[in-house]
Amino acid sequence: MTRSMTIRPATLAKLALMLATAVMLAGCTRGTSDLREWITQQKAKKGAPIPPLPVIKTFETFTYADQDLRDPFAPSVAEQDTGATAGPRPDQNRPKQPLEMFALDSLKMVGTIGTGSGIEALIKDPTGVIHPVHGGEYMGQNYGHITAISDDHIDLVELVSNGNGGWMERPASIALGEK
């Protein structure tokens, strides 16, 4: 009696998988001799020469000892005259008004009330509170003094530092908002 051998498909798949794994592992054991040879060749090559460091130029120092030459870093005579003693000065004795704690560009004009000399402007601060202002009052952080109020804008004169310890006037205005 003879027995016939039949191989099941699952067994055949397992056998094929084992054979493929053995072939892949055989490829991994080839060695790294060619890689080591390439590294040795690269190390044996000479690199490009490094260029020399640039020569640093030395400069002569100059002392402003001559009375005819002015030191360019010292204030000029005109700048000294307009320093802390000359020009407008902010009034430090008056009490600060509520709108002086806000930057001028953060305030918005939202309207006016009245006409002629009795006109007052309505200013909205960044917190949303609306303040009525009259001519002669102050607003903004640069001592902005209101000089004129019209239906569509407010004119001010600010006092800003001139950089030499003194102050100078700068015109500014706030226009009626588009809202």
C-alpha atoms as a PDB file:
ATOM      1  CA  MET A   1       0.000   0.000   0.000  1.00  0.00           C
ATOM      2  CA  THR A   2       1.324   3.378  -0.946  1.00  0.00           C
ATOM      3  CA  ARG A   3       0.648   6.493   0.720  1.00  0.00           C
ATOM      4  CA  SER A   4       0.364   9.712  -1.206  1.00  0.00           C
ATOM      5  CA  MET A   5       1.662  12.858   0.308  1.00  0.00           C
ATOM      6  CA  THR A   6      -0.391  15.953   0.081  1.00  0.00           C
ATOM      7  CA  ILE A   7       0.889  19.289   1.318  1.00  0.00           C
ATOM      8  CA  ARG A   8      -1.642  21.645   2.685  1.00  0.00           C
ATOM      9  CA  PRO A   9      -1.629  25.302   1.508  1.00  0.00           C
ATOM     10  CA  ALA A  10      -1.028  26.649   5.026  1.00  0.00           C
ATOM     11  CA  THR A  11       2.038  24.460   5.409  1.00  0.00           C
ATOM     12  CA  LEU A  12       3.256  25.539   1.975  1.00  0.00           C
ATOM     13  CA  ALA A  13       2.904  29.240   2.959  1.00  0.00           C
ATOM     14  CA  LYS A  14       4.838  28.681   6.185  1.00  0.00           C
ATOM     15  CA  LEU A  15       7.591  26.897   4.266  1.00  0.00           C
ATOM     16  CA  ALA A  16       7.832  29.750   1.723  1.00  0.00           C
ATOM     17  CA  LEU A  17       7.992  32.346   4.525  1.00  0.00           C
ATOM     18  CA  MET A  18      10.813  30.462   6.285  1.00  0.00           C
ATOM     19  CA  LEU A  19      12.744  30.181   3.013  1.00  0.00           C
ATOM     20  CA  ALA A  20      12.367  33.939   2.307  1.00  0.00           C
ATOM     21  CA  THR A  21      13.536  34.780   5.842  1.00  0.00           C
ATOM     22  CA  ALA A  22      16.607  32.567   5.459  1.00  0.00           C
ATOM     23  CA  VAL A  23      17.511  34.267   2.137  1.00  0.00           C
ATOM     24  CA  MET A  24      17.182  37.759   3.662  1.00  0.00           C
ATOM     25  CA  LEU A  25      19.303  36.834   6.665  1.00  0.00           C
ATOM     26  CA  ALA A  26      21.948  35.426   4.368  1.00  0.00           C
ATOM     27  CA  GLY A  27      22.147  38.818   2.618  1.00  0.00           C
ATOM     28  CA  CYS A  28      22.767  40.567   5.942  1.00  0.00           C
ATOM     29  CA  THR A  29      25.799  38.478   6.810  1.00  0.00           C
ATOM     30  CA  ARG A  30      27.765  39.549   3.754  1.00  0.00           C
ATOM     31  CA  GLY A  31      30.068  41.755   5.827  1.00  0.00           C
ATOM     32  CA  THR A  32      31.181  45.352   5.912  1.00  0.00           C
ATOM     33  CA  SER A  33      34.609  45.066   4.375  1.00  0.00           C
ATOM     34  CA  ASP A  34      33.700  47.265   1.369  1.00  0.00           C
ATOM     35  CA  LEU A  35      32.419  49.981   3.701  1.00  0.00           C
ATOM     36  CA  ARG A  36      35.588  49.890   5.793  1.00  0.00           C
ATOM     37  CA  GLU A  37      37.683  50.099   2.619  1.00  0.00           C
ATOM     38  CA  TRP A  38      35.781  53.212   1.433  1.00  0.00           C
ATOM     39  CA  ILE A  39      36.215  54.921   4.831  1.00  0.00           C
ATOM     40  CA  THR A  40      39.962  54.239   4.728  1.00  0.00           C
ATOM     41  CA  GLN A  41      40.171  55.767   1.230  1.00  0.00           C
ATOM     42  CA  GLN A  42      38.289  58.887   2.323  1.00  0.00           C
ATOM     43  CA  LYS A  43      40.520  59.377   5.358  1.00  0.00           C
ATOM     44  CA  ALA A  44      43.642  59.040   3.187  1.00  0.00           C
ATOM     45  CA  LYS A  45      42.580  61.927   0.923  1.00  0.00           C
ATOM     46  CA  LYS A  46      44.120  65.314   1.712  1.00  0.00           C
ATOM     47  CA  GLY A  47      41.679  68.172   2.310  1.00  0.00           C
ATOM     48  CA  ALA A  48      41.856  71.603   0.737  1.00  0.00           C
ATOM     49  CA  PRO A  49      44.282  73.966   2.482  1.00  0.00           C
ATOM     50  CA  ILE A  50      42.776  76.387   4.982  1.00  0.00           C
ATOM     51  CA  PRO A  51      43.209  80.014   3.905  1.00  0.00           C
ATOM     52  CA  PRO A  52      45.250  82.185   6.263  1.00  0.00           C
ATOM     53  CA  LEU A  53      43.474  84.543   8.666  1.00  0.00           C
ATOM     54  CA  PRO A  54      42.943  88.073   7.337  1.00  0.00           C
ATOM     55  CA  VAL A  55      45.239  90.786   8.595  1.00  0.00           C
ATOM     56  CA  ILE A  56      43.409  93.146  10.936  1.00  0.00           C
ATOM     57  CA  LYS A  57      44.003  96.789  10.123  1.00  0.00           C
ATOM     58  CA  THR A  58      44.981  99.006  13.004  1.00  0.00           C
ATOM     59  CA  PHE A  59      43.532 102.498  13.136  1.00  0.00           C
ATOM     60  CA  GLU A  60      45.092 105.573  14.600  1.00  0.00           C
ATOM     61  CA  THR A  61      43.239 107.130  17.499  1.00  0.00           C
ATOM     62  CA  PHE A  62      42.467 110.821  17.341  1.00  0.00           C
ATOM     63  CA  THR A  63      42.223 113.067  20.368  1.00  0.00           C
ATOM     64  CA  TYR A  64      40.217 116.279  20.091  1.00  0.00           C
ATOM     65  CA  ALA A  65      42.815 118.389  21.841  1.00  0.00           C
ATOM     66  CA  ASP A  66      42.744 121.248  19.324  1.00  0.00           C
ATOM     67  CA  GLN A  67      40.321 123.976  20.401  1.00  0.00           C
ATOM     68  CA  ASP A  68      39.265 124.668  16.796  1.00  0.00           C
ATOM     69  CA  LEU A  69      37.808 121.168  16.301  1.00  0.00           C
ATOM     70  CA  ARG A  70      34.544 120.217  17.975  1.00  0.00           C
ATOM     71  CA  ASP A  71      34.051 116.760  19.439  1.00  0.00           C
ATOM     72  CA  PRO A  72      31.314 115.191  17.249  1.00  0.00           C
ATOM     73  CA  PHE A  73      29.950 113.276  20.230  1.00  0.00           C
ATOM     74  CA  ALA A  74      29.498 116.319  22.452  1.00  0.00           C
ATOM     75  CA  PRO A  75      26.375 118.515  22.089  1.00  0.00           C
ATOM     76  CA  SER A  76      26.809 121.589  19.913  1.00  0.00           C
ATOM     77  CA  VAL A  77      26.463 125.120  21.258  1.00  0.00           C
ATOM     78  CA  ALA A  78      22.956 125.371  19.744  1.00  0.00           C
ATOM     79  CA  GLU A  79      21.941 122.080  21.375  1.00  0.00           C
ATOM     80  CA  GLN A  80      23.329 123.216  24.726  1.00  0.00           C
ATOM     81  CA  ASP A  81      21.322 126.449  24.529  1.00  0.00           C
ATOM     82  CA  THR A  82      18.048 124.586  23.910  1.00  0.00           C
ATOM     83  CA  GLY A  83      18.739 122.109  26.698  1.00  0.00           C
ATOM     84  CA  ALA A  84      17.002 121.911  30.035  1.00  0.00           C
ATOM     85  CA  THR A  85      16.765 125.668  30.673  1.00  0.00           C
ATOM     86  CA  ALA A  86      15.119 126.953  27.481  1.00  0.00           C
ATOM     87  CA  GLY A  87      11.779 126.083  25.879  1.00  0.00           C
ATOM     88  CA  PRO A  88       8.413 125.018  27.226  1.00  0.00           C
ATOM     89  CA  ARG A  89       8.100 122.907  30.316  1.00  0.00           C
ATOM     90  CA  PRO A  90       5.209 120.732  31.544  1.00  0.00           C
ATOM     91  CA  ASP A  91       3.275 122.012  34.519  1.00  0.00           C
ATOM     92  CA  GLN A  92       4.114 119.473  37.233  1.00  0.00           C
ATOM     93  CA  ASN A  93       1.988 121.213  39.888  1.00  0.00           C
ATOM     94  CA  ARG A  94      -1.435 120.727  38.282  1.00  0.00           C
ATOM     95  CA  PRO A  95      -3.422 117.527  39.025  1.00  0.00           C
ATOM     96  CA  LYS A  96      -3.452 114.915  36.268  1.00  0.00           C
ATOM     97  CA  GLN A  97      -6.697 114.607  34.348  1.00  0.00           C
ATOM     98  CA  PRO A  98      -8.279 111.153  33.701  1.00  0.00           C
ATOM     99  CA  LEU A  99      -7.419 110.984  29.972  1.00  0.00           C
ATOM    100  CA  GLU A 100      -3.718 111.644  30.642  1.00  0.00           C
ATOM    101  CA  MET A 101      -3.136 108.054  31.697  1.00  0.00           C
ATOM    102  CA  PHE A 102      -3.869 106.780  28.154  1.00  0.00           C
ATOM    103  CA  ALA A 103      -1.702 107.042  25.046  1.00  0.00           C
ATOM    104  CA  LEU A 104      -3.105 109.549  22.571  1.00  0.00           C
ATOM    105  CA  ASP A 105      -3.403 106.971  19.784  1.00  0.00           C
ATOM    106  CA  SER A 106      -5.581 104.751  22.015  1.00  0.00           C
ATOM    107  CA  LEU A 107      -8.208 107.500  22.465  1.00  0.00           C
ATOM    108  CA  LYS A 108     -11.052 107.860  19.945  1.00  0.00           C
ATOM    109  CA  MET A 109     -13.260 110.859  19.238  1.00  0.00           C
ATOM    110  CA  VAL A 110     -16.857 109.630  19.005  1.00  0.00           C
ATOM    111  CA  GLY A 111     -18.738 112.918  18.638  1.00  0.00           C
ATOM    112  CA  THR A 112     -19.406 116.453  19.846  1.00  0.00           C
ATOM    113  CA  ILE A 113     -22.077 118.187  21.904  1.00  0.00           C
ATOM    114  CA  GLY A 114     -22.958 121.872  21.566  1.00  0.00           C
ATOM    115  CA  THR A 115     -21.951 124.525  19.061  1.00  0.00           C
ATOM    116  CA  GLY A 116     -19.649 127.525  18.823  1.00  0.00           C
ATOM    117  CA  SER A 117     -17.594 128.328  21.902  1.00  0.00           C
ATOM    118  CA  GLY A 118     -19.633 125.941  24.072  1.00  0.00           C
ATOM    119  CA  ILE A 119     -18.669 122.837  22.040  1.00  0.00           C
ATOM    120  CA  GLU A 120     -17.296 119.839  23.863  1.00  0.00           C
ATOM    121  CA  ALA A 121     -15.906 116.644  22.334  1.00  0.00           C
ATOM    122  CA  LEU A 122     -16.739 113.110  23.409  1.00  0.00           C
ATOM    123  CA  ILE A 123     -13.661 110.885  23.808  1.00  0.00           C
ATOM    124  CA  LYS A 124     -13.803 107.114  24.265  1.00  0.00           C
ATOM    125  CA  ASP A 125     -10.912 105.638  26.270  1.00  0.00           C
ATOM    126  CA  PRO A 126      -9.573 102.056  25.785  1.00  0.00           C
ATOM    127  CA  THR A 127     -11.770 100.760  28.626  1.00  0.00           C
ATOM    128  CA  GLY A 128     -14.910 101.932  26.795  1.00  0.00           C
ATOM    129  CA  VAL A 129     -15.751 104.924  29.016  1.00  0.00           C
ATOM    130  CA  ILE A 130     -16.803 108.110  27.188  1.00  0.00           C
ATOM    131  CA  HIS A 131     -15.428 111.409  28.577  1.00  0.00           C
ATOM    132  CA  PRO A 132     -16.552 114.937  27.614  1.00  0.00           C
ATOM    133  CA  VAL A 133     -13.586 117.308  27.066  1.00  0.00           C
ATOM    134  CA  HIS A 134     -13.365 121.092  26.614  1.00  0.00           C
ATOM    135  CA  GLY A 135     -10.731 123.380  25.171  1.00  0.00           C
ATOM    136  CA  GLY A 136      -7.796 123.895  27.531  1.00  0.00           C
ATOM    137  CA  GLU A 137      -8.002 120.414  29.109  1.00  0.00           C
ATOM    138  CA  TYR A 138      -5.242 117.805  28.887  1.00  0.00           C
ATOM    139  CA  MET A 139      -5.201 114.311  27.393  1.00  0.00           C
ATOM    140  CA  GLY A 140      -2.574 111.764  26.338  1.00  0.00           C
ATOM    141  CA  GLN A 141       0.658 110.784  28.043  1.00  0.00           C
ATOM    142  CA  ASN A 142       2.722 113.605  26.482  1.00  0.00           C
ATOM    143  CA  TYR A 143       1.007 116.520  28.269  1.00  0.00           C
ATOM    144  CA  GLY A 144      -1.397 117.047  25.334  1.00  0.00           C
ATOM    145  CA  HIS A 145      -3.157 120.403  25.749  1.00  0.00           C
ATOM    146  CA  ILE A 146      -6.418 120.820  23.768  1.00  0.00           C
ATOM    147  CA  THR A 147      -6.182 123.998  21.677  1.00  0.00           C
ATOM    148  CA  ALA A 148      -9.302 123.689  19.489  1.00  0.00           C
ATOM    149  CA  ILE A 149     -12.388 121.487  19.087  1.00  0.00           C
ATOM    150  CA  SER A 150     -14.320 121.285  15.823  1.00  0.00           C
ATOM    151  CA  ASP A 151     -17.131 119.016  14.637  1.00  0.00           C
ATOM    152  CA  ASP A 152     -14.765 116.455  13.115  1.00  0.00           C
ATOM    153  CA  HIS A 153     -11.459 116.711  15.034  1.00  0.00           C
ATOM    154  CA  ILE A 154      -9.614 117.936  18.128  1.00  0.00           C
ATOM    155  CA  ASP A 155      -6.332 119.878  17.873  1.00  0.00           C
ATOM    156  CA  LEU A 156      -3.720 119.471  20.619  1.00  0.00           C
ATOM    157  CA  VAL A 157      -0.187 120.538  21.377  1.00  0.00           C
ATOM    158  CA  GLU A 158       1.956 117.888  23.072  1.00  0.00           C
ATOM    159  CA  LEU A 159       5.185 118.446  24.998  1.00  0.00           C
ATOM    160  CA  VAL A 160       7.838 115.869  24.140  1.00  0.00           C
ATOM    161  CA  SER A 161      11.423 115.532  25.310  1.00  0.00           C
ATOM    162  CA  ASN A 162      14.017 116.937  22.908  1.00  0.00           C
ATOM    163  CA  GLY A 163      16.662 114.432  24.026  1.00  0.00           C
ATOM    164  CA  ASN A 164      18.818 117.058  25.756  1.00  0.00           C
ATOM    165  CA  GLY A 165      16.853 117.397  28.963  1.00  0.00           C
ATOM    166  CA  GLY A 166      14.490 120.006  27.540  1.00  0.00           C
ATOM    167  CA  TRP A 167      11.047 119.968  25.954  1.00  0.00           C
ATOM    168  CA  MET A 168       9.560 120.921  22.598  1.00  0.00           C
ATOM    169  CA  GLU A 169       6.002 121.368  21.360  1.00  0.00           C
ATOM    170  CA  ARG A 170       4.520 118.980  18.819  1.00  0.00           C
ATOM    171  CA  PRO A 171       1.103 119.465  17.189  1.00  0.00           C
ATOM    172  CA  ALA A 172      -1.309 116.504  17.228  1.00  0.00           C
ATOM    173  CA  SER A 173      -4.958 115.867  16.451  1.00  0.00           C
ATOM    174  CA  ILE A 174      -7.654 113.259  16.948  1.00  0.00           C
ATOM    175  CA  ALA A 175     -10.172 112.849  14.148  1.00  0.00           C
ATOM    176  CA  LEU A 176     -13.775 111.760  14.510  1.00  0.00           C
ATOM    177  CA  GLY A 177     -13.973 107.963  14.242  1.00  0.00           C
ATOM    178  CA  GLU A 178     -15.717 106.264  11.305  1.00  0.00           C
ATOM    179  CA  LYS A 179     -17.981 104.129  13.505  1.00  0.00           C
END
